[in-house]
Amino acid sequence: PQVQCLINTYSNQTDPLNVDGILGIRTRAAIRSVQGCNQVSEPAGILV
């Protein structure tokens, strides 16, 4: 939920996520979008 809230609050995502604690398809896509925009990556197997 912290990740979801931070994406809704600070990133330029236009479609807010439900802050429900579920690491679903939309949350994963939003995380990857934030990573891509900010040009960061994580080691294999780590999402955040």
ModelCIF file with pLDDT and N, C-alpha, C, O atoms, coordinates in Angstrom:
data_MODEL
#
_entry.id   MODEL 
#
_entity.id                         1 
_entity.type                       polymer 
_entity.pdbx_number_of_molecules   1 
#
_entity_poly.entity_id                      1 
_entity_poly.type                           'polypeptide(L)' 
_entity_poly.nstd_linkage                   no 
_entity_poly.nstd_monomer                   no 
_entity_poly.pdbx_seq_one_letter_code       PQVQCLINTYSNQTDPLNVDGILGIRTRAAIRSVQGCNQVSEPAGILV 
_entity_poly.pdbx_seq_one_letter_code_can   PQVQCLINTYSNQTDPLNVDGILGIRTRAAIRSVQGCNQVSEPAGILV 
_entity_poly.pdbx_strand_id                 A 
#
loop_
_entity_poly_seq.entity_id 
_entity_poly_seq.num 
_entity_poly_seq.mon_id 
_entity_poly_seq.hetero 
1 1  PRO n 
1 2  GLN n 
1 3  VAL n 
1 4  GLN n 
1 5  CYS n 
1 6  LEU n 
1 7  ILE n 
1 8  ASN n 
1 9  THR n 
1 10 TYR n 
1 11 SER n 
1 12 ASN n 
1 13 GLN n 
1 14 THR n 
1 15 ASP n 
1 16 PRO n 
1 17 LEU n 
1 18 ASN n 
1 19 VAL n 
1 20 ASP n 
1 21 GLY n 
1 22 ILE n 
1 23 LEU n 
1 24 GLY n 
1 25 ILE n 
1 26 ARG n 
1 27 THR n 
1 28 ARG n 
1 29 ALA n 
1 30 ALA n 
1 31 ILE n 
1 32 ARG n 
1 33 SER n 
1 34 VAL n 
1 35 GLN n 
1 36 GLY n 
1 37 CYS n 
1 38 ASN n 
1 39 GLN n 
1 40 VAL n 
1 41 SER n 
1 42 GLU n 
1 43 PRO n 
1 44 ALA n 
1 45 GLY n 
1 46 ILE n 
1 47 LEU n 
1 48 VAL n 
#
_struct_asym.id          A 
_struct_asym.entity_id   1 
#
loop_
_ma_qa_metric.id 
_ma_qa_metric.mode 
_ma_qa_metric.name 
_ma_qa_metric.software_group_id 
_ma_qa_metric.type 
1 global pLDDT . pLDDT 
2 local  pLDDT . pLDDT 
#
_ma_qa_metric_global.metric_id      1 
_ma_qa_metric_global.metric_value   94.17 
_ma_qa_metric_global.model_id       1 
_ma_qa_metric_global.ordinal_id     1 
#
loop_
_ma_qa_metric_local.label_asym_id 
_ma_qa_metric_local.label_comp_id 
_ma_qa_metric_local.label_seq_id 
_ma_qa_metric_local.metric_id 
_ma_qa_metric_local.metric_value 
_ma_qa_metric_local.model_id 
_ma_qa_metric_local.ordinal_id 
A PRO 1  2 95.00 1 1  
A GLN 2  2 95.00 1 2  
A VAL 3  2 96.00 1 3  
A GLN 4  2 95.00 1 4  
A CYS 5  2 94.00 1 5  
A LEU 6  2 94.00 1 6  
A ILE 7  2 95.00 1 7  
A ASN 8  2 93.00 1 8  
A THR 9  2 90.00 1 9  
A TYR 10 2 90.00 1 10 
A SER 11 2 91.00 1 11 
A ASN 12 2 88.00 1 12 
A GLN 13 2 86.00 1 13 
A THR 14 2 86.00 1 14 
A ASP 15 2 89.00 1 15 
A PRO 16 2 93.00 1 16 
A LEU 17 2 95.00 1 17 
A ASN 18 2 94.00 1 18 
A VAL 19 2 95.00 1 19 
A ASP 20 2 95.00 1 20 
A GLY 21 2 93.00 1 21 
A ILE 22 2 93.00 1 22 
A LEU 23 2 93.00 1 23 
A GLY 24 2 94.00 1 24 
A ILE 25 2 95.00 1 25 
A ARG 26 2 96.00 1 26 
A THR 27 2 96.00 1 27 
A ARG 28 2 96.00 1 28 
A ALA 29 2 96.00 1 29 
A ALA 30 2 96.00 1 30 
A ILE 31 2 97.00 1 31 
A ARG 32 2 96.00 1 32 
A SER 33 2 95.00 1 33 
A VAL 34 2 96.00 1 34 
A GLN 35 2 97.00 1 35 
A GLY 36 2 96.00 1 36 
A CYS 37 2 95.00 1 37 
A ASN 38 2 96.00 1 38 
A GLN 39 2 96.00 1 39 
A VAL 40 2 97.00 1 40 
A SER 41 2 95.00 1 41 
A GLU 42 2 96.00 1 42 
A PRO 43 2 95.00 1 43 
A ALA 44 2 94.00 1 44 
A GLY 45 2 94.00 1 45 
A ILE 46 2 95.00 1 46 
A LEU 47 2 96.00 1 47 
A VAL 48 2 97.00 1 48 
#
loop_
_atom_site.group_PDB 
_atom_site.id 
_atom_site.type_symbol 
_atom_site.label_atom_id 
_atom_site.label_alt_id 
_atom_site.label_comp_id 
_atom_site.label_asym_id 
_atom_site.label_entity_id 
_atom_site.label_seq_id 
_atom_site.pdbx_PDB_ins_code 
_atom_site.Cartn_x 
_atom_site.Cartn_y 
_atom_site.Cartn_z 
_atom_site.occupancy 
_atom_site.B_iso_or_equiv 
_atom_site.pdbx_formal_charge 
_atom_site.auth_seq_id 
_atom_site.auth_comp_id 
_atom_site.auth_asym_id 
_atom_site.auth_atom_id 
_atom_site.pdbx_PDB_model_num 
ATOM 1   N N  . PRO A 1 1  ? 0.817  -1.216  0.000   1.00 95.00 ? 1  PRO A N  1 
ATOM 2   C CA . PRO A 1 1  ? 0.000  0.000   0.000   1.00 95.00 ? 1  PRO A CA 1 
ATOM 3   C C  . PRO A 1 1  ? 0.854  1.270   0.000   1.00 95.00 ? 1  PRO A C  1 
ATOM 4   O O  . PRO A 1 1  ? 0.453  2.279   -0.581  1.00 95.00 ? 1  PRO A O  1 
ATOM 5   N N  . GLN A 1 2  ? 2.019  1.234   0.641   1.00 95.00 ? 2  GLN A N  1 
ATOM 6   C CA . GLN A 1 2  ? 2.906  2.395   0.635   1.00 95.00 ? 2  GLN A CA 1 
ATOM 7   C C  . GLN A 1 2  ? 3.360  2.699   -0.790  1.00 95.00 ? 2  GLN A C  1 
ATOM 8   O O  . GLN A 1 2  ? 3.370  3.859   -1.202  1.00 95.00 ? 2  GLN A O  1 
ATOM 9   N N  . VAL A 1 3  ? 3.734  1.673   -1.539  1.00 96.00 ? 3  VAL A N  1 
ATOM 10  C CA . VAL A 1 3  ? 4.139  1.850   -2.933  1.00 96.00 ? 3  VAL A CA 1 
ATOM 11  C C  . VAL A 1 3  ? 2.975  2.428   -3.738  1.00 96.00 ? 3  VAL A C  1 
ATOM 12  O O  . VAL A 1 3  ? 3.155  3.382   -4.495  1.00 96.00 ? 3  VAL A O  1 
ATOM 13  N N  . GLN A 1 4  ? 1.792  1.854   -3.576  1.00 95.00 ? 4  GLN A N  1 
ATOM 14  C CA . GLN A 1 4  ? 0.621  2.326   -4.322  1.00 95.00 ? 4  GLN A CA 1 
ATOM 15  C C  . GLN A 1 4  ? 0.319  3.789   -4.001  1.00 95.00 ? 4  GLN A C  1 
ATOM 16  O O  . GLN A 1 4  ? 0.040  4.578   -4.904  1.00 95.00 ? 4  GLN A O  1 
ATOM 17  N N  . CYS A 1 5  ? 0.372  4.147   -2.738  1.00 94.00 ? 5  CYS A N  1 
ATOM 18  C CA . CYS A 1 5  ? 0.098  5.522   -2.327  1.00 94.00 ? 5  CYS A CA 1 
ATOM 19  C C  . CYS A 1 5  ? 1.153  6.483   -2.870  1.00 94.00 ? 5  CYS A C  1 
ATOM 20  O O  . CYS A 1 5  ? 0.812  7.568   -3.342  1.00 94.00 ? 5  CYS A O  1 
ATOM 21  N N  . LEU A 1 6  ? 2.425  6.099   -2.810  1.00 94.00 ? 6  LEU A N  1 
ATOM 22  C CA . LEU A 1 6  ? 3.495  6.960   -3.327  1.00 94.00 ? 6  LEU A CA 1 
ATOM 23  C C  . LEU A 1 6  ? 3.362  7.165   -4.834  1.00 94.00 ? 6  LEU A C  1 
ATOM 24  O O  . LEU A 1 6  ? 3.600  8.266   -5.332  1.00 94.00 ? 6  LEU A O  1 
ATOM 25  N N  . ILE A 1 7  ? 2.987  6.126   -5.555  1.00 95.00 ? 7  ILE A N  1 
ATOM 26  C CA . ILE A 1 7  ? 2.774  6.261   -7.000  1.00 95.00 ? 7  ILE A CA 1 
ATOM 27  C C  . ILE A 1 7  ? 1.634  7.241   -7.250  1.00 95.00 ? 7  ILE A C  1 
ATOM 28  O O  . ILE A 1 7  ? 1.752  8.118   -8.105  1.00 95.00 ? 7  ILE A O  1 
ATOM 29  N N  . ASN A 1 8  ? 0.538  7.103   -6.520  1.00 93.00 ? 8  ASN A N  1 
ATOM 30  C CA . ASN A 1 8  ? -0.597 8.020   -6.687  1.00 93.00 ? 8  ASN A CA 1 
ATOM 31  C C  . ASN A 1 8  ? -0.241 9.453   -6.313  1.00 93.00 ? 8  ASN A C  1 
ATOM 32  O O  . ASN A 1 8  ? -0.728 10.392  -6.942  1.00 93.00 ? 8  ASN A O  1 
ATOM 33  N N  . THR A 1 9  ? 0.602  9.634   -5.298  1.00 90.00 ? 9  THR A N  1 
ATOM 34  C CA . THR A 1 9  ? 0.896  10.954  -4.762  1.00 90.00 ? 9  THR A CA 1 
ATOM 35  C C  . THR A 1 9  ? 1.977  11.692  -5.549  1.00 90.00 ? 9  THR A C  1 
ATOM 36  O O  . THR A 1 9  ? 1.830  12.883  -5.825  1.00 90.00 ? 9  THR A O  1 
ATOM 37  N N  . TYR A 1 10 ? 3.053  11.010  -5.912  1.00 90.00 ? 10 TYR A N  1 
ATOM 38  C CA . TYR A 1 10 ? 4.213  11.709  -6.449  1.00 90.00 ? 10 TYR A CA 1 
ATOM 39  C C  . TYR A 1 10 ? 4.529  11.451  -7.917  1.00 90.00 ? 10 TYR A C  1 
ATOM 40  O O  . TYR A 1 10 ? 5.200  12.270  -8.546  1.00 90.00 ? 10 TYR A O  1 
ATOM 41  N N  . SER A 1 11 ? 4.067  10.342  -8.480  1.00 91.00 ? 11 SER A N  1 
ATOM 42  C CA . SER A 1 11 ? 4.436  10.062  -9.873  1.00 91.00 ? 11 SER A CA 1 
ATOM 43  C C  . SER A 1 11 ? 3.439  10.701  -10.829 1.00 91.00 ? 11 SER A C  1 
ATOM 44  O O  . SER A 1 11 ? 2.372  11.155  -10.418 1.00 91.00 ? 11 SER A O  1 
ATOM 45  N N  . ASN A 1 12 ? 3.791  10.730  -12.086 1.00 88.00 ? 12 ASN A N  1 
ATOM 46  C CA . ASN A 1 12 ? 2.910  11.355  -13.079 1.00 88.00 ? 12 ASN A CA 1 
ATOM 47  C C  . ASN A 1 12 ? 1.918  10.370  -13.680 1.00 88.00 ? 12 ASN A C  1 
ATOM 48  O O  . ASN A 1 12 ? 1.407  10.608  -14.774 1.00 88.00 ? 12 ASN A O  1 
ATOM 49  N N  . GLN A 1 13 ? 1.636  9.275   -12.992 1.00 86.00 ? 13 GLN A N  1 
ATOM 50  C CA . GLN A 1 13 ? 0.635  8.320   -13.442 1.00 86.00 ? 13 GLN A CA 1 
ATOM 51  C C  . GLN A 1 13 ? -0.726 9.012   -13.486 1.00 86.00 ? 13 GLN A C  1 
ATOM 52  O O  . GLN A 1 13 ? -1.104 9.707   -12.543 1.00 86.00 ? 13 GLN A O  1 
ATOM 53  N N  . THR A 1 14 ? -1.455 8.824   -14.573 1.00 86.00 ? 14 THR A N  1 
ATOM 54  C CA . THR A 1 14 ? -2.729 9.520   -14.721 1.00 86.00 ? 14 THR A CA 1 
ATOM 55  C C  . THR A 1 14 ? -3.915 8.728   -14.175 1.00 86.00 ? 14 THR A C  1 
ATOM 56  O O  . THR A 1 14 ? -4.952 9.308   -13.856 1.00 86.00 ? 14 THR A O  1 
ATOM 57  N N  . ASP A 1 15 ? -3.771 7.420   -14.068 1.00 89.00 ? 15 ASP A N  1 
ATOM 58  C CA . ASP A 1 15 ? -4.859 6.574   -13.589 1.00 89.00 ? 15 ASP A CA 1 
ATOM 59  C C  . ASP A 1 15 ? -4.507 6.068   -12.191 1.00 89.00 ? 15 ASP A C  1 
ATOM 60  O O  . ASP A 1 15 ? -3.691 5.156   -12.062 1.00 89.00 ? 15 ASP A O  1 
ATOM 61  N N  . PRO A 1 16 ? -5.107 6.644   -11.135 1.00 93.00 ? 16 PRO A N  1 
ATOM 62  C CA . PRO A 1 16 ? -4.722 6.266   -9.769  1.00 93.00 ? 16 PRO A CA 1 
ATOM 63  C C  . PRO A 1 16 ? -4.942 4.786   -9.488  1.00 93.00 ? 16 PRO A C  1 
ATOM 64  O O  . PRO A 1 16 ? -5.878 4.162   -9.989  1.00 93.00 ? 16 PRO A O  1 
ATOM 65  N N  . LEU A 1 17 ? -4.048 4.254   -8.672  1.00 95.00 ? 17 LEU A N  1 
ATOM 66  C CA . LEU A 1 17 ? -4.167 2.870   -8.231  1.00 95.00 ? 17 LEU A CA 1 
ATOM 67  C C  . LEU A 1 17 ? -5.080 2.790   -7.017  1.00 95.00 ? 17 LEU A C  1 
ATOM 68  O O  . LEU A 1 17 ? -5.189 3.744   -6.247  1.00 95.00 ? 17 LEU A O  1 
ATOM 69  N N  . ASN A 1 18 ? -5.732 1.652   -6.852  1.00 94.00 ? 18 ASN A N  1 
ATOM 70  C CA . ASN A 1 18 ? -6.434 1.384   -5.597  1.00 94.00 ? 18 ASN A CA 1 
ATOM 71  C C  . ASN A 1 18 ? -5.359 1.073   -4.568  1.00 94.00 ? 18 ASN A C  1 
ATOM 72  O O  . ASN A 1 18 ? -4.491 0.234   -4.810  1.00 94.00 ? 18 ASN A O  1 
ATOM 73  N N  . VAL A 1 19 ? -5.409 1.732   -3.441  1.00 95.00 ? 19 VAL A N  1 
ATOM 74  C CA . VAL A 1 19 ? -4.453 1.453   -2.376  1.00 95.00 ? 19 VAL A CA 1 
ATOM 75  C C  . VAL A 1 19 ? -5.048 0.333   -1.537  1.00 95.00 ? 19 VAL A C  1 
ATOM 76  O O  . VAL A 1 19 ? -5.638 0.555   -0.480  1.00 95.00 ? 19 VAL A O  1 
ATOM 77  N N  . ASP A 1 20 ? -4.866 -0.894  -2.056  1.00 95.00 ? 20 ASP A N  1 
ATOM 78  C CA . ASP A 1 20 ? -5.498 -2.062  -1.452  1.00 95.00 ? 20 ASP A CA 1 
ATOM 79  C C  . ASP A 1 20 ? -4.496 -3.120  -0.990  1.00 95.00 ? 20 ASP A C  1 
ATOM 80  O O  . ASP A 1 20 ? -4.883 -4.144  -0.428  1.00 95.00 ? 20 ASP A O  1 
ATOM 81  N N  . GLY A 1 21 ? -3.214 -2.869  -1.229  1.00 93.00 ? 21 GLY A N  1 
ATOM 82  C CA . GLY A 1 21 ? -2.204 -3.830  -0.797  1.00 93.00 ? 21 GLY A CA 1 
ATOM 83  C C  . GLY A 1 21 ? -2.053 -5.029  -1.711  1.00 93.00 ? 21 GLY A C  1 
ATOM 84  O O  . GLY A 1 21 ? -1.295 -5.949  -1.403  1.00 93.00 ? 21 GLY A O  1 
ATOM 85  N N  . ILE A 1 22 ? -2.763 -5.035  -2.833  1.00 93.00 ? 22 ILE A N  1 
ATOM 86  C CA . ILE A 1 22 ? -2.689 -6.158  -3.766  1.00 93.00 ? 22 ILE A CA 1 
ATOM 87  C C  . ILE A 1 22 ? -1.670 -5.832  -4.850  1.00 93.00 ? 22 ILE A C  1 
ATOM 88  O O  . ILE A 1 22 ? -1.778 -4.811  -5.529  1.00 93.00 ? 22 ILE A O  1 
ATOM 89  N N  . LEU A 1 23 ? -0.695 -6.694  -5.004  1.00 93.00 ? 23 LEU A N  1 
ATOM 90  C CA . LEU A 1 23 ? 0.347  -6.502  -6.002  1.00 93.00 ? 23 LEU A CA 1 
ATOM 91  C C  . LEU A 1 23 ? -0.115 -7.133  -7.318  1.00 93.00 ? 23 LEU A C  1 
ATOM 92  O O  . LEU A 1 23 ? 0.417  -8.145  -7.775  1.00 93.00 ? 23 LEU A O  1 
ATOM 93  N N  . GLY A 1 24 ? -1.125 -6.492  -7.904  1.00 94.00 ? 24 GLY A N  1 
ATOM 94  C CA . GLY A 1 24 ? -1.734 -7.011  -9.119  1.00 94.00 ? 24 GLY A CA 1 
ATOM 95  C C  . GLY A 1 24 ? -1.102 -6.452  -10.383 1.00 94.00 ? 24 GLY A C  1 
ATOM 96  O O  . GLY A 1 24 ? -0.061 -5.796  -10.342 1.00 94.00 ? 24 GLY A O  1 
ATOM 97  N N  . ILE A 1 25 ? -1.747 -6.722  -11.494 1.00 95.00 ? 25 ILE A N  1 
ATOM 98  C CA . ILE A 1 25 ? -1.235 -6.328  -12.808 1.00 95.00 ? 25 ILE A CA 1 
ATOM 99  C C  . ILE A 1 25 ? -1.073 -4.815  -12.915 1.00 95.00 ? 25 ILE A C  1 
ATOM 100 O O  . ILE A 1 25 ? -0.039 -4.342  -13.387 1.00 95.00 ? 25 ILE A O  1 
ATOM 101 N N  . ARG A 1 26 ? -2.076 -4.046  -12.487 1.00 96.00 ? 26 ARG A N  1 
ATOM 102 C CA . ARG A 1 26 ? -1.997 -2.577  -12.607 1.00 96.00 ? 26 ARG A CA 1 
ATOM 103 C C  . ARG A 1 26 ? -0.891 -2.005  -11.729 1.00 96.00 ? 26 ARG A C  1 
ATOM 104 O O  . ARG A 1 26 ? -0.171 -1.097  -12.143 1.00 96.00 ? 26 ARG A O  1 
ATOM 105 N N  . THR A 1 27 ? -0.755 -2.539  -10.512 1.00 96.00 ? 27 THR A N  1 
ATOM 106 C CA . THR A 1 27 ? 0.296  -2.043  -9.617  1.00 96.00 ? 27 THR A CA 1 
ATOM 107 C C  . THR A 1 27 ? 1.664  -2.369  -10.190 1.00 96.00 ? 27 THR A C  1 
ATOM 108 O O  . THR A 1 27 ? 2.553  -1.518  -10.189 1.00 96.00 ? 27 THR A O  1 
ATOM 109 N N  . ARG A 1 28 ? 1.845  -3.590  -10.679 1.00 96.00 ? 28 ARG A N  1 
ATOM 110 C CA . ARG A 1 28 ? 3.127  -3.975  -11.281 1.00 96.00 ? 28 ARG A CA 1 
ATOM 111 C C  . ARG A 1 28 ? 3.447  -3.097  -12.492 1.00 96.00 ? 28 ARG A C  1 
ATOM 112 O O  . ARG A 1 28 ? 4.586  -2.663  -12.665 1.00 96.00 ? 28 ARG A O  1 
ATOM 113 N N  . ALA A 1 29 ? 2.449  -2.838  -13.322 1.00 96.00 ? 29 ALA A N  1 
ATOM 114 C CA . ALA A 1 29 ? 2.666  -1.996  -14.507 1.00 96.00 ? 29 ALA A CA 1 
ATOM 115 C C  . ALA A 1 29 ? 3.026  -0.567  -14.093 1.00 96.00 ? 29 ALA A C  1 
ATOM 116 O O  . ALA A 1 29 ? 3.883  0.060   -14.716 1.00 96.00 ? 29 ALA A O  1 
ATOM 117 N N  . ALA A 1 30 ? 2.385  -0.057  -13.059 1.00 96.00 ? 30 ALA A N  1 
ATOM 118 C CA . ALA A 1 30 ? 2.687  1.299   -12.580 1.00 96.00 ? 30 ALA A CA 1 
ATOM 119 C C  . ALA A 1 30 ? 4.103  1.367   -12.008 1.00 96.00 ? 30 ALA A C  1 
ATOM 120 O O  . ALA A 1 30 ? 4.812  2.349   -12.229 1.00 96.00 ? 30 ALA A O  1 
ATOM 121 N N  . ILE A 1 31 ? 4.516  0.339   -11.281 1.00 97.00 ? 31 ILE A N  1 
ATOM 122 C CA . ILE A 1 31 ? 5.880  0.292   -10.738 1.00 97.00 ? 31 ILE A CA 1 
ATOM 123 C C  . ILE A 1 31 ? 6.885  0.296   -11.882 1.00 97.00 ? 31 ILE A C  1 
ATOM 124 O O  . ILE A 1 31 ? 7.867  1.037   -11.850 1.00 97.00 ? 31 ILE A O  1 
ATOM 125 N N  . ARG A 1 32 ? 6.640  -0.526  -12.883 1.00 96.00 ? 32 ARG A N  1 
ATOM 126 C CA . ARG A 1 32 ? 7.567  -0.591  -14.032 1.00 96.00 ? 32 ARG A CA 1 
ATOM 127 C C  . ARG A 1 32 ? 7.583  0.733   -14.802 1.00 96.00 ? 32 ARG A C  1 
ATOM 128 O O  . ARG A 1 32 ? 8.626  1.145   -15.310 1.00 96.00 ? 32 ARG A O  1 
ATOM 129 N N  . SER A 1 33 ? 6.447  1.386   -14.886 1.00 95.00 ? 33 SER A N  1 
ATOM 130 C CA . SER A 1 33 ? 6.382  2.682   -15.550 1.00 95.00 ? 33 SER A CA 1 
ATOM 131 C C  . SER A 1 33 ? 7.207  3.723   -14.794 1.00 95.00 ? 33 SER A C  1 
ATOM 132 O O  . SER A 1 33 ? 7.945  4.498   -15.402 1.00 95.00 ? 33 SER A O  1 
ATOM 133 N N  . VAL A 1 34 ? 7.080  3.738   -13.482 1.00 96.00 ? 34 VAL A N  1 
ATOM 134 C CA . VAL A 1 34 ? 7.862  4.664   -12.652 1.00 96.00 ? 34 VAL A CA 1 
ATOM 135 C C  . VAL A 1 34 ? 9.352  4.362   -12.804 1.00 96.00 ? 34 VAL A C  1 
ATOM 136 O O  . VAL A 1 34 ? 10.164 5.277   -12.940 1.00 96.00 ? 34 VAL A O  1 
ATOM 137 N N  . GLN A 1 35 ? 9.707  3.080   -12.782 1.00 97.00 ? 35 GLN A N  1 
ATOM 138 C CA . GLN A 1 35 ? 11.110 2.702   -12.955 1.00 97.00 ? 35 GLN A CA 1 
ATOM 139 C C  . GLN A 1 35 ? 11.636 3.141   -14.320 1.00 97.00 ? 35 GLN A C  1 
ATOM 140 O O  . GLN A 1 35 ? 12.741 3.674   -14.422 1.00 97.00 ? 35 GLN A O  1 
ATOM 141 N N  . GLY A 1 36 ? 10.842 2.916   -15.367 1.00 96.00 ? 36 GLY A N  1 
ATOM 142 C CA . GLY A 1 36 ? 11.270 3.287   -16.713 1.00 96.00 ? 36 GLY A CA 1 
ATOM 143 C C  . GLY A 1 36 ? 11.439 4.784   -16.869 1.00 96.00 ? 36 GLY A C  1 
ATOM 144 O O  . GLY A 1 36 ? 12.435 5.241   -17.430 1.00 96.00 ? 36 GLY A O  1 
ATOM 145 N N  . CYS A 1 37 ? 10.486 5.547   -16.382 1.00 95.00 ? 37 CYS A N  1 
ATOM 146 C CA . CYS A 1 37 ? 10.555 7.002   -16.489 1.00 95.00 ? 37 CYS A CA 1 
ATOM 147 C C  . CYS A 1 37 ? 11.768 7.548   -15.740 1.00 95.00 ? 37 CYS A C  1 
ATOM 148 O O  . CYS A 1 37 ? 12.443 8.460   -16.219 1.00 95.00 ? 37 CYS A O  1 
ATOM 149 N N  . ASN A 1 38 ? 12.039 6.984   -14.562 1.00 96.00 ? 38 ASN A N  1 
ATOM 150 C CA . ASN A 1 38 ? 13.137 7.457   -13.722 1.00 96.00 ? 38 ASN A CA 1 
ATOM 151 C C  . ASN A 1 38 ? 14.469 6.771   -14.039 1.00 96.00 ? 38 ASN A C  1 
ATOM 152 O O  . ASN A 1 38 ? 15.487 7.058   -13.409 1.00 96.00 ? 38 ASN A O  1 
ATOM 153 N N  . GLN A 1 39 ? 14.453 5.881   -15.000 1.00 96.00 ? 39 GLN A N  1 
ATOM 154 C CA . GLN A 1 39 ? 15.648 5.163   -15.466 1.00 96.00 ? 39 GLN A CA 1 
ATOM 155 C C  . GLN A 1 39 ? 16.357 4.414   -14.340 1.00 96.00 ? 39 GLN A C  1 
ATOM 156 O O  . GLN A 1 39 ? 17.570 4.522   -14.163 1.00 96.00 ? 39 GLN A O  1 
ATOM 157 N N  . VAL A 1 40 ? 15.560 3.648   -13.580 1.00 97.00 ? 40 VAL A N  1 
ATOM 158 C CA . VAL A 1 40 ? 16.132 2.793   -12.547 1.00 97.00 ? 40 VAL A CA 1 
ATOM 159 C C  . VAL A 1 40 ? 15.717 1.358   -12.814 1.00 97.00 ? 40 VAL A C  1 
ATOM 160 O O  . VAL A 1 40 ? 14.698 1.102   -13.456 1.00 97.00 ? 40 VAL A O  1 
ATOM 161 N N  . SER A 1 41 ? 16.506 0.437   -12.319 1.00 95.00 ? 41 SER A N  1 
ATOM 162 C CA . SER A 1 41 ? 16.161 -0.978  -12.427 1.00 95.00 ? 41 SER A CA 1 
ATOM 163 C C  . SER A 1 41 ? 16.605 -1.665  -11.147 1.00 95.00 ? 41 SER A C  1 
ATOM 164 O O  . SER A 1 41 ? 17.415 -1.142  -10.381 1.00 95.00 ? 41 SER A O  1 
ATOM 165 N N  . GLU A 1 42 ? 16.063 -2.830  -10.943 1.00 96.00 ? 42 GLU A N  1 
ATOM 166 C CA . GLU A 1 42 ? 16.392 -3.631  -9.770  1.00 96.00 ? 42 GLU A CA 1 
ATOM 167 C C  . GLU A 1 42 ? 16.971 -4.962  -10.252 1.00 96.00 ? 42 GLU A C  1 
ATOM 168 O O  . GLU A 1 42 ? 16.748 -5.354  -11.398 1.00 96.00 ? 42 GLU A O  1 
ATOM 169 N N  . PRO A 1 43 ? 17.705 -5.654  -9.392  1.00 95.00 ? 43 PRO A N  1 
ATOM 170 C CA . PRO A 1 43 ? 18.229 -6.966  -9.762  1.00 95.00 ? 43 PRO A CA 1 
ATOM 171 C C  . PRO A 1 43 ? 17.103 -7.953  -10.080 1.00 95.00 ? 43 PRO A C  1 
ATOM 172 O O  . PRO A 1 43 ? 15.959 -7.757  -9.669  1.00 95.00 ? 43 PRO A O  1 
ATOM 173 N N  . ALA A 1 44 ? 17.435 -8.989  -10.799 1.00 94.00 ? 44 ALA A N  1 
ATOM 174 C CA . ALA A 1 44 ? 16.453 -10.011 -11.177 1.00 94.00 ? 44 ALA A CA 1 
ATOM 175 C C  . ALA A 1 44 ? 15.749 -10.549 -9.937  1.00 94.00 ? 44 ALA A C  1 
ATOM 176 O O  . ALA A 1 44 ? 16.379 -10.821 -8.915  1.00 94.00 ? 44 ALA A O  1 
ATOM 177 N N  . GLY A 1 45 ? 14.434 -10.696 -10.045 1.00 94.00 ? 45 GLY A N  1 
ATOM 178 C CA . GLY A 1 45 ? 13.625 -11.242 -8.968  1.00 94.00 ? 45 GLY A CA 1 
ATOM 179 C C  . GLY A 1 45 ? 13.117 -10.206 -7.980  1.00 94.00 ? 45 GLY A C  1 
ATOM 180 O O  . GLY A 1 45 ? 12.287 -10.519 -7.126  1.00 94.00 ? 45 GLY A O  1 
ATOM 181 N N  . ILE A 1 46 ? 13.609 -8.970  -8.086  1.00 95.00 ? 46 ILE A N  1 
ATOM 182 C CA . ILE A 1 46 ? 13.176 -7.908  -7.174  1.00 95.00 ? 46 ILE A CA 1 
ATOM 183 C C  . ILE A 1 46 ? 12.343 -6.901  -7.948  1.00 95.00 ? 46 ILE A C  1 
ATOM 184 O O  . ILE A 1 46 ? 12.794 -6.355  -8.955  1.00 95.00 ? 46 ILE A O  1 
ATOM 185 N N  . LEU A 1 47 ? 11.134 -6.656  -7.480  1.00 96.00 ? 47 LEU A N  1 
ATOM 186 C CA . LEU A 1 47 ? 10.254 -5.677  -8.125  1.00 96.00 ? 47 LEU A CA 1 
ATOM 187 C C  . LEU A 1 47 ? 10.519 -4.281  -7.574  1.00 96.00 ? 47 LEU A C  1 
ATOM 188 O O  . LEU A 1 47 ? 10.662 -3.330  -8.343  1.00 96.00 ? 47 LEU A O  1 
ATOM 189 N N  . VAL A 1 48 ? 10.587 -4.148  -6.249  1.00 97.00 ? 48 VAL A N  1 
ATOM 190 C CA . VAL A 1 48 ? 10.866 -2.860  -5.609  1.00 97.00 ? 48 VAL A CA 1 
ATOM 191 C C  . VAL A 1 48 ? 12.026 -3.056  -4.647  1.00 97.00 ? 48 VAL A C  1 
ATOM 192 O O  . VAL A 1 48 ? 12.447 -2.107  -3.986  1.00 97.00 ? 48 VAL A O  1 
#
